[in-house]
Amino acid sequence: LQGLKIRVMNHQLSIDLVQELGGSATPMSFGELYT
């Protein structure tokens, strides 16, 4: 996961999880994700 930008819900624990695992958490609306 290092160096990967991973979309998460705008929820602190979800953000913290991706960061803890080594990724870069990116909160974003689900509707915007495909694009």
PDB file of all heavy atoms in Angstrom:
ATOM      1  N   LEU A   1       0.817  -1.217   0.000  1.00  0.00           N
ATOM      2  CA  LEU A   1       0.000   0.000   0.000  1.00  0.00           C
ATOM      3  C   LEU A   1       0.851   1.268   0.000  1.00  0.00           C
ATOM      4  O   LEU A   1       0.334   2.363  -0.226  1.00  0.00           O
ATOM      5  CB  LEU A   1      -0.930   0.019   1.218  1.00  0.00           C
ATOM      6  CG  LEU A   1      -2.135  -0.931   1.152  1.00  0.00           C
ATOM      7  CD1 LEU A   1      -2.754  -1.103   2.536  1.00  0.00           C
ATOM      8  CD2 LEU A   1      -3.175  -0.413   0.170  1.00  0.00           C
ATOM      9  N   GLN A   2       2.139   1.107   0.249  1.00  0.00           N
ATOM     10  CA  GLN A   2       3.044   2.263   0.289  1.00  0.00           C
ATOM     11  C   GLN A   2       2.970   3.044  -1.022  1.00  0.00           C
ATOM     12  O   GLN A   2       3.097   2.482  -2.107  1.00  0.00           O
ATOM     13  CB  GLN A   2       4.486   1.799   0.507  1.00  0.00           C
ATOM     14  CG  GLN A   2       4.776   1.254   1.888  1.00  0.00           C
ATOM     15  CD  GLN A   2       4.902   2.347   2.947  1.00  0.00           C
ATOM     16  OE1 GLN A   2       5.029   3.517   2.634  1.00  0.00           O
ATOM     17  NE2 GLN A   2       4.848   1.944   4.213  1.00  0.00           N
ATOM     18  N   GLY A   3       2.738   4.354  -0.906  1.00  0.00           N
ATOM     19  CA  GLY A   3       2.703   5.217  -2.077  1.00  0.00           C
ATOM     20  C   GLY A   3       1.391   5.225  -2.833  1.00  0.00           C
ATOM     21  O   GLY A   3       1.245   5.955  -3.823  1.00  0.00           O
ATOM     22  N   LEU A   4       0.404   4.422  -2.395  1.00  0.00           N
ATOM     23  CA  LEU A   4      -0.891   4.377  -3.085  1.00  0.00           C
ATOM     24  C   LEU A   4      -1.901   5.317  -2.429  1.00  0.00           C
ATOM     25  O   LEU A   4      -2.029   5.353  -1.203  1.00  0.00           O
ATOM     26  CB  LEU A   4      -1.447   2.955  -3.082  1.00  0.00           C
ATOM     27  CG  LEU A   4      -0.658   1.887  -3.854  1.00  0.00           C
ATOM     28  CD1 LEU A   4      -1.405   0.562  -3.821  1.00  0.00           C
ATOM     29  CD2 LEU A   4      -0.417   2.325  -5.293  1.00  0.00           C
ATOM     30  N   LYS A   5      -2.613   6.060  -3.258  1.00  0.00           N
ATOM     31  CA  LYS A   5      -3.704   6.916  -2.772  1.00  0.00           C
ATOM     32  C   LYS A   5      -4.984   6.068  -2.783  1.00  0.00           C
ATOM     33  O   LYS A   5      -5.444   5.641  -3.846  1.00  0.00           O
ATOM     34  CB  LYS A   5      -3.861   8.153  -3.657  1.00  0.00           C
ATOM     35  CG  LYS A   5      -2.638   9.066  -3.656  1.00  0.00           C
ATOM     36  CD  LYS A   5      -2.905  10.363  -4.404  1.00  0.00           C
ATOM     37  CE  LYS A   5      -3.113  10.161  -5.891  1.00  0.00           C
ATOM     38  NZ  LYS A   5      -1.884   9.690  -6.582  1.00  0.00           N
ATOM     39  N   ILE A   6      -5.535   5.839  -1.599  1.00  0.00           N
ATOM     40  CA  ILE A   6      -6.705   4.975  -1.458  1.00  0.00           C
ATOM     41  C   ILE A   6      -7.915   5.798  -1.022  1.00  0.00           C
ATOM     42  O   ILE A   6      -7.883   6.459   0.018  1.00  0.00           O
ATOM     43  CB  ILE A   6      -6.447   3.857  -0.421  1.00  0.00           C
ATOM     44  CG1 ILE A   6      -5.223   3.026  -0.827  1.00  0.00           C
ATOM     45  CG2 ILE A   6      -7.684   2.978  -0.273  1.00  0.00           C
ATOM     46  CD1 ILE A   6      -5.367   2.264  -2.116  1.00  0.00           C
ATOM     47  N   ARG A   7      -8.974   5.738  -1.810  1.00  0.00           N
ATOM     48  CA  ARG A   7     -10.198   6.453  -1.435  1.00  0.00           C
ATOM     49  C   ARG A   7     -10.832   5.789  -0.222  1.00  0.00           C
ATOM     50  O   ARG A   7     -10.948   4.552  -0.135  1.00  0.00           O
ATOM     51  CB  ARG A   7     -11.194   6.441  -2.595  1.00  0.00           C
ATOM     52  CG  ARG A   7     -12.526   7.132  -2.257  1.00  0.00           C
ATOM     53  CD  ARG A   7     -13.579   6.195  -1.706  1.00  0.00           C
ATOM     54  NE  ARG A   7     -14.796   6.903  -1.273  1.00  0.00           N
ATOM     55  CZ  ARG A   7     -15.839   6.325  -0.694  1.00  0.00           C
ATOM     56  NH1 ARG A   7     -15.829   5.030  -0.454  1.00  0.00           N
ATOM     57  NH2 ARG A   7     -16.898   7.044  -0.329  1.00  0.00           N
ATOM     58  N   VAL A   8     -11.256   6.606   0.750  1.00  0.00           N
ATOM     59  CA  VAL A   8     -11.983   6.120   1.921  1.00  0.00           C
ATOM     60  C   VAL A   8     -13.197   7.008   2.153  1.00  0.00           C
ATOM     61  O   VAL A   8     -13.306   8.102   1.599  1.00  0.00           O
ATOM     62  CB  VAL A   8     -11.101   6.125   3.195  1.00  0.00           C
ATOM     63  CG1 VAL A   8      -9.957   5.139   3.067  1.00  0.00           C
ATOM     64  CG2 VAL A   8     -10.582   7.531   3.479  1.00  0.00           C
ATOM     65  N   MET A   9     -14.115   6.537   2.970  1.00  0.00           N
ATOM     66  CA  MET A   9     -15.239   7.375   3.396  1.00  0.00           C
ATOM     67  C   MET A   9     -14.693   8.493   4.283  1.00  0.00           C
ATOM     68  O   MET A   9     -13.606   8.373   4.855  1.00  0.00           O
ATOM     69  CB  MET A   9     -16.246   6.541   4.185  1.00  0.00           C
ATOM     70  CG  MET A   9     -16.857   5.400   3.400  1.00  0.00           C
ATOM     71  SD  MET A   9     -17.978   4.399   4.402  1.00  0.00           S
ATOM     72  CE  MET A   9     -19.334   5.543   4.643  1.00  0.00           C
ATOM     73  N   ASN A  10     -15.469   9.554   4.407  1.00  0.00           N
ATOM     74  CA  ASN A  10     -15.063  10.658   5.272  1.00  0.00           C
ATOM     75  C   ASN A  10     -15.356  10.272   6.726  1.00  0.00           C
ATOM     76  O   ASN A  10     -16.303  10.739   7.343  1.00  0.00           O
ATOM     77  CB  ASN A  10     -15.808  11.941   4.891  1.00  0.00           C
ATOM     78  CG  ASN A  10     -15.272  13.153   5.629  1.00  0.00           C
ATOM     79  OD1 ASN A  10     -14.181  13.095   6.211  1.00  0.00           O
ATOM     80  ND2 ASN A  10     -16.016  14.227   5.643  1.00  0.00           N
ATOM     81  N   HIS A  11     -14.517   9.384   7.224  1.00  0.00           N
ATOM     82  CA  HIS A  11     -14.707   8.775   8.543  1.00  0.00           C
ATOM     83  C   HIS A  11     -13.325   8.572   9.132  1.00  0.00           C
ATOM     84  O   HIS A  11     -12.453   7.948   8.514  1.00  0.00           O
ATOM     85  CB  HIS A  11     -15.458   7.443   8.373  1.00  0.00           C
ATOM     86  CG  HIS A  11     -15.502   6.607   9.599  1.00  0.00           C
ATOM     87  ND1 HIS A  11     -14.891   5.365   9.693  1.00  0.00           N
ATOM     88  CD2 HIS A  11     -16.092   6.822  10.800  1.00  0.00           C
ATOM     89  CE1 HIS A  11     -15.103   4.872  10.888  1.00  0.00           C
ATOM     90  NE2 HIS A  11     -15.822   5.722  11.578  1.00  0.00           N
ATOM     91  N   GLN A  12     -13.077   9.116  10.320  1.00  0.00           N
ATOM     92  CA  GLN A  12     -11.720   9.199  10.852  1.00  0.00           C
ATOM     93  C   GLN A  12     -11.038   7.838  11.001  1.00  0.00           C
ATOM     94  O   GLN A  12      -9.861   7.690  10.683  1.00  0.00           O
ATOM     95  CB  GLN A  12     -11.722   9.929  12.200  1.00  0.00           C
ATOM     96  CG  GLN A  12     -10.326  10.328  12.670  1.00  0.00           C
ATOM     97  CD  GLN A  12      -9.601  11.210  11.658  1.00  0.00           C
ATOM     98  OE1 GLN A  12     -10.145  12.219  11.219  1.00  0.00           O
ATOM     99  NE2 GLN A  12      -8.392  10.831  11.274  1.00  0.00           N
ATOM    100  N   LEU A  13     -11.771   6.832  11.480  1.00  0.00           N
ATOM    101  CA  LEU A  13     -11.144   5.525  11.674  1.00  0.00           C
ATOM    102  C   LEU A  13     -10.740   4.904  10.333  1.00  0.00           C
ATOM    103  O   LEU A  13      -9.691   4.252  10.235  1.00  0.00           O
ATOM    104  CB  LEU A  13     -12.087   4.590  12.433  1.00  0.00           C
ATOM    105  CG  LEU A  13     -11.490   3.258  12.900  1.00  0.00           C
ATOM    106  CD1 LEU A  13     -10.238   3.470  13.735  1.00  0.00           C
ATOM    107  CD2 LEU A  13     -12.520   2.455  13.685  1.00  0.00           C
ATOM    108  N   SER A  14     -11.541   5.126   9.296  1.00  0.00           N
ATOM    109  CA  SER A  14     -11.204   4.614   7.963  1.00  0.00           C
ATOM    110  C   SER A  14      -9.940   5.292   7.439  1.00  0.00           C
ATOM    111  O   SER A  14      -9.066   4.652   6.837  1.00  0.00           O
ATOM    112  CB  SER A  14     -12.360   4.859   6.991  1.00  0.00           C
ATOM    113  OG  SER A  14     -13.529   4.191   7.409  1.00  0.00           O
ATOM    114  N   ILE A  15      -9.850   6.591   7.682  1.00  0.00           N
ATOM    115  CA  ILE A  15      -8.656   7.348   7.276  1.00  0.00           C
ATOM    116  C   ILE A  15      -7.431   6.834   8.026  1.00  0.00           C
ATOM    117  O   ILE A  15      -6.381   6.561   7.436  1.00  0.00           O
ATOM    118  CB  ILE A  15      -8.861   8.850   7.551  1.00  0.00           C
ATOM    119  CG1 ILE A  15      -9.986   9.406   6.658  1.00  0.00           C
ATOM    120  CG2 ILE A  15      -7.572   9.638   7.324  1.00  0.00           C
ATOM    121  CD1 ILE A  15     -10.429  10.811   7.018  1.00  0.00           C
ATOM    122  N   ASP A  16      -7.595   6.678   9.337  1.00  0.00           N
ATOM    123  CA  ASP A  16      -6.477   6.239  10.181  1.00  0.00           C
ATOM    124  C   ASP A  16      -5.997   4.840   9.790  1.00  0.00           C
ATOM    125  O   ASP A  16      -4.794   4.550   9.845  1.00  0.00           O
ATOM    126  CB  ASP A  16      -6.881   6.250  11.652  1.00  0.00           C
ATOM    127  CG  ASP A  16      -7.107   7.665  12.186  1.00  0.00           C
ATOM    128  OD1 ASP A  16      -6.650   8.620  11.533  1.00  0.00           O
ATOM    129  OD2 ASP A  16      -7.751   7.799  13.240  1.00  0.00           O
ATOM    130  N   LEU A  17      -6.935   3.970   9.410  1.00  0.00           N
ATOM    131  CA  LEU A  17      -6.569   2.597   9.055  1.00  0.00           C
ATOM    132  C   LEU A  17      -5.644   2.570   7.840  1.00  0.00           C
ATOM    133  O   LEU A  17      -4.595   1.915   7.863  1.00  0.00           O
ATOM    134  CB  LEU A  17      -7.821   1.770   8.773  1.00  0.00           C
ATOM    135  CG  LEU A  17      -7.573   0.367   8.213  1.00  0.00           C
ATOM    136  CD1 LEU A  17      -6.792  -0.484   9.209  1.00  0.00           C
ATOM    137  CD2 LEU A  17      -8.878  -0.313   7.836  1.00  0.00           C
ATOM    138  N   VAL A  18      -6.029   3.280   6.780  1.00  0.00           N
ATOM    139  CA  VAL A  18      -5.203   3.297   5.565  1.00  0.00           C
ATOM    140  C   VAL A  18      -3.832   3.894   5.861  1.00  0.00           C
ATOM    141  O   VAL A  18      -2.797   3.398   5.405  1.00  0.00           O
ATOM    142  CB  VAL A  18      -5.912   4.055   4.432  1.00  0.00           C
ATOM    143  CG1 VAL A  18      -4.973   4.279   3.245  1.00  0.00           C
ATOM    144  CG2 VAL A  18      -7.143   3.279   3.975  1.00  0.00           C
ATOM    145  N   GLN A  19      -3.826   4.967   6.651  1.00  0.00           N
ATOM    146  CA  GLN A  19      -2.549   5.596   7.009  1.00  0.00           C
ATOM    147  C   GLN A  19      -1.668   4.631   7.808  1.00  0.00           C
ATOM    148  O   GLN A  19      -0.461   4.536   7.586  1.00  0.00           O
ATOM    149  CB  GLN A  19      -2.805   6.869   7.830  1.00  0.00           C
ATOM    150  CG  GLN A  19      -3.629   7.941   7.134  1.00  0.00           C
ATOM    151  CD  GLN A  19      -2.905   8.605   5.979  1.00  0.00           C
ATOM    152  OE1 GLN A  19      -3.410   8.709   4.885  1.00  0.00           O
ATOM    153  NE2 GLN A  19      -1.696   9.063   6.226  1.00  0.00           N
ATOM    154  N   GLU A  20      -2.277   3.908   8.740  1.00  0.00           N
ATOM    155  CA  GLU A  20      -1.534   2.962   9.582  1.00  0.00           C
ATOM    156  C   GLU A  20      -0.935   1.829   8.751  1.00  0.00           C
ATOM    157  O   GLU A  20       0.164   1.345   9.026  1.00  0.00           O
ATOM    158  CB  GLU A  20      -2.465   2.381  10.657  1.00  0.00           C
ATOM    159  CG  GLU A  20      -1.768   1.626  11.762  1.00  0.00           C
ATOM    160  CD  GLU A  20      -0.985   2.531  12.699  1.00  0.00           C
ATOM    161  OE1 GLU A  20      -1.450   3.670  12.974  1.00  0.00           O
ATOM    162  OE2 GLU A  20       0.089   2.108  13.167  1.00  0.00           O
ATOM    163  N   LEU A  21      -1.664   1.433   7.713  1.00  0.00           N
ATOM    164  CA  LEU A  21      -1.191   0.342   6.861  1.00  0.00           C
ATOM    165  C   LEU A  21      -0.149   0.803   5.845  1.00  0.00           C
ATOM    166  O   LEU A  21       0.438  -0.020   5.136  1.00  0.00           O
ATOM    167  CB  LEU A  21      -2.369  -0.310   6.134  1.00  0.00           C
ATOM    168  CG  LEU A  21      -3.352  -1.098   7.022  1.00  0.00           C
ATOM    169  CD1 LEU A  21      -4.545  -1.576   6.205  1.00  0.00           C
ATOM    170  CD2 LEU A  21      -2.661  -2.276   7.693  1.00  0.00           C
ATOM    171  N   GLY A  22       0.051   2.120   5.752  1.00  0.00           N
ATOM    172  CA  GLY A  22       1.098   2.641   4.877  1.00  0.00           C
ATOM    173  C   GLY A  22       0.627   3.336   3.630  1.00  0.00           C
ATOM    174  O   GLY A  22       1.428   3.883   2.865  1.00  0.00           O
ATOM    175  N   GLY A  23      -0.699   3.348   3.386  1.00  0.00           N
ATOM    176  CA  GLY A  23      -1.232   4.032   2.216  1.00  0.00           C
ATOM    177  C   GLY A  23      -1.512   5.497   2.504  1.00  0.00           C
ATOM    178  O   GLY A  23      -1.320   5.976   3.627  1.00  0.00           O
ATOM    179  N   SER A  24      -1.977   6.199   1.479  1.00  0.00           N
ATOM    180  CA  SER A  24      -2.361   7.599   1.632  1.00  0.00           C
ATOM    181  C   SER A  24      -3.876   7.697   1.512  1.00  0.00           C
ATOM    182  O   SER A  24      -4.439   7.536   0.423  1.00  0.00           O
ATOM    183  CB  SER A  24      -1.688   8.448   0.541  1.00  0.00           C
ATOM    184  OG  SER A  24      -2.107   9.796   0.627  1.00  0.00           O
ATOM    185  N   ALA A  25      -4.551   7.913   2.645  1.00  0.00           N
ATOM    186  CA  ALA A  25      -6.010   7.951   2.662  1.00  0.00           C
ATOM    187  C   ALA A  25      -6.534   9.213   1.983  1.00  0.00           C
ATOM    188  O   ALA A  25      -6.062  10.312   2.263  1.00  0.00           O
ATOM    189  CB  ALA A  25      -6.511   7.882   4.103  1.00  0.00           C
ATOM    190  N   THR A  26      -7.511   9.025   1.097  1.00  0.00           N
ATOM    191  CA  THR A  26      -8.091  10.154   0.357  1.00  0.00           C
ATOM    192  C   THR A  26      -9.610  10.121   0.494  1.00  0.00           C
ATOM    193  O   THR A  26     -10.294   9.399  -0.239  1.00  0.00           O
ATOM    194  CB  THR A  26      -7.698  10.080  -1.133  1.00  0.00           C
ATOM    195  OG1 THR A  26      -6.278   9.956  -1.248  1.00  0.00           O
ATOM    196  CG2 THR A  26      -8.166  11.310  -1.887  1.00  0.00           C
ATOM    197  N   PRO A  27     -10.188  10.874   1.441  1.00  0.00           N
ATOM    198  CA  PRO A  27     -11.645  10.915   1.573  1.00  0.00           C
ATOM    199  C   PRO A  27     -12.273  11.497   0.309  1.00  0.00           C
ATOM    200  O   PRO A  27     -11.781  12.481  -0.249  1.00  0.00           O
ATOM    201  CB  PRO A  27     -11.861  11.846   2.777  1.00  0.00           C
ATOM    202  CG  PRO A  27     -10.559  11.822   3.512  1.00  0.00           C
ATOM    203  CD  PRO A  27      -9.505  11.674   2.454  1.00  0.00           C
ATOM    204  N   MET A  28     -13.358  10.871  -0.139  1.00  0.00           N
ATOM    205  CA  MET A  28     -13.977  11.302  -1.385  1.00  0.00           C
ATOM    206  C   MET A  28     -15.396  10.742  -1.468  1.00  0.00           C
ATOM    207  O   MET A  28     -15.678   9.657  -0.956  1.00  0.00           O
ATOM    208  CB  MET A  28     -13.144  10.786  -2.570  1.00  0.00           C
ATOM    209  CG  MET A  28     -13.674  11.120  -3.942  1.00  0.00           C
ATOM    210  SD  MET A  28     -12.644  10.357  -5.229  1.00  0.00           S
ATOM    211  CE  MET A  28     -11.084  11.211  -4.953  1.00  0.00           C
ATOM    212  N   SER A  29     -16.283  11.482  -2.112  1.00  0.00           N
ATOM    213  CA  SER A  29     -17.637  11.003  -2.348  1.00  0.00           C
ATOM    214  C   SER A  29     -17.601   9.747  -3.213  1.00  0.00           C
ATOM    215  O   SER A  29     -16.833   9.672  -4.178  1.00  0.00           O
ATOM    216  CB  SER A  29     -18.452  12.093  -3.050  1.00  0.00           C
ATOM    217  OG  SER A  29     -19.604  11.552  -3.655  1.00  0.00           O
ATOM    218  N   PHE A  30     -18.437   8.778  -2.890  1.00  0.00           N
ATOM    219  CA  PHE A  30     -18.484   7.534  -3.657  1.00  0.00           C
ATOM    220  C   PHE A  30     -18.884   7.807  -5.104  1.00  0.00           C
ATOM    221  O   PHE A  30     -18.403   7.150  -6.030  1.00  0.00           O
ATOM    222  CB  PHE A  30     -19.466   6.551  -3.005  1.00  0.00           C
ATOM    223  CG  PHE A  30     -19.379   5.150  -3.535  1.00  0.00           C
ATOM    224  CD1 PHE A  30     -18.251   4.385  -3.338  1.00  0.00           C
ATOM    225  CD2 PHE A  30     -20.452   4.594  -4.223  1.00  0.00           C
ATOM    226  CE1 PHE A  30     -18.163   3.081  -3.825  1.00  0.00           C
ATOM    227  CE2 PHE A  30     -20.379   3.294  -4.713  1.00  0.00           C
ATOM    228  CZ  PHE A  30     -19.242   2.531  -4.511  1.00  0.00           C
ATOM    229  N   GLY A  31     -19.759   8.779  -5.307  1.00  0.00           N
ATOM    230  CA  GLY A  31     -20.216   9.108  -6.650  1.00  0.00           C
ATOM    231  C   GLY A  31     -19.119   9.653  -7.551  1.00  0.00           C
ATOM    232  O   GLY A  31     -19.224   9.596  -8.781  1.00  0.00           O
ATOM    233  N   GLU A  32     -18.066  10.199  -6.963  1.00  0.00           N
ATOM    234  CA  GLU A  32     -16.955  10.770  -7.739  1.00  0.00           C
ATOM    235  C   GLU A  32     -15.848   9.756  -8.013  1.00  0.00           C
ATOM    236  O   GLU A  32     -14.914  10.022  -8.768  1.00  0.00           O
ATOM    237  CB  GLU A  32     -16.334  11.953  -6.970  1.00  0.00           C
ATOM    238  CG  GLU A  32     -17.289  13.096  -6.683  1.00  0.00           C
ATOM    239  CD  GLU A  32     -16.681  14.150  -5.773  1.00  0.00           C
ATOM    240  OE1 GLU A  32     -15.516  13.958  -5.364  1.00  0.00           O
ATOM    241  OE2 GLU A  32     -17.355  15.134  -5.471  1.00  0.00           O
ATOM    242  N   LEU A  33     -15.961   8.580  -7.404  1.00  0.00           N
ATOM    243  CA  LEU A  33     -14.827   7.657  -7.378  1.00  0.00           C
ATOM    244  C   LEU A  33     -14.500   7.033  -8.730  1.00  0.00           C
ATOM    245  O   LEU A  33     -13.321   6.877  -9.072  1.00  0.00           O
ATOM    246  CB  LEU A  33     -15.080   6.566  -6.333  1.00  0.00           C
ATOM    247  CG  LEU A  33     -13.978   5.529  -6.134  1.00  0.00           C
ATOM    248  CD1 LEU A  33     -12.624   6.184  -5.903  1.00  0.00           C
ATOM    249  CD2 LEU A  33     -14.331   4.596  -4.966  1.00  0.00           C
ATOM    250  N   TYR A  34     -15.502   6.669  -9.517  1.00  0.00           N
ATOM    251  CA  TYR A  34     -15.220   6.013 -10.802  1.00  0.00           C
ATOM    252  C   TYR A  34     -14.314   6.898 -11.665  1.00  0.00           C
ATOM    253  O   TYR A  34     -13.284   6.441 -12.179  1.00  0.00           O
ATOM    254  CB  TYR A  34     -16.522   5.706 -11.547  1.00  0.00           C
ATOM    255  CG  TYR A  34     -16.328   4.847 -12.783  1.00  0.00           C
ATOM    256  CD1 TYR A  34     -16.534   3.475 -12.732  1.00  0.00           C
ATOM    257  CD2 TYR A  34     -15.928   5.402 -13.997  1.00  0.00           C
ATOM    258  CE1 TYR A  34     -16.355   2.667 -13.856  1.00  0.00           C
ATOM    259  CE2 TYR A  34     -15.736   4.620 -15.128  1.00  0.00           C
ATOM    260  CZ  TYR A  34     -15.954   3.256 -15.051  1.00  0.00           C
ATOM    261  OH  TYR A  34     -15.760   2.467 -16.160  1.00  0.00           O
ATOM    262  N   THR A  35     -14.700   8.158 -11.793  1.00  0.00           N
ATOM    263  CA  THR A  35     -13.904   9.092 -12.598  1.00  0.00           C
ATOM    264  C   THR A  35     -12.524   9.300 -11.986  1.00  0.00           C
ATOM    265  O   THR A  35     -11.516   9.382 -12.703  1.00  0.00           O
ATOM    266  CB  THR A  35     -14.632  10.446 -12.727  1.00  0.00           C
ATOM    267  OG1 THR A  35     -15.917  10.232 -13.324  1.00  0.00           O
ATOM    268  CG2 THR A  35     -13.836  11.417 -13.581  1.00  0.00           C
TER     269      THR A  35
END
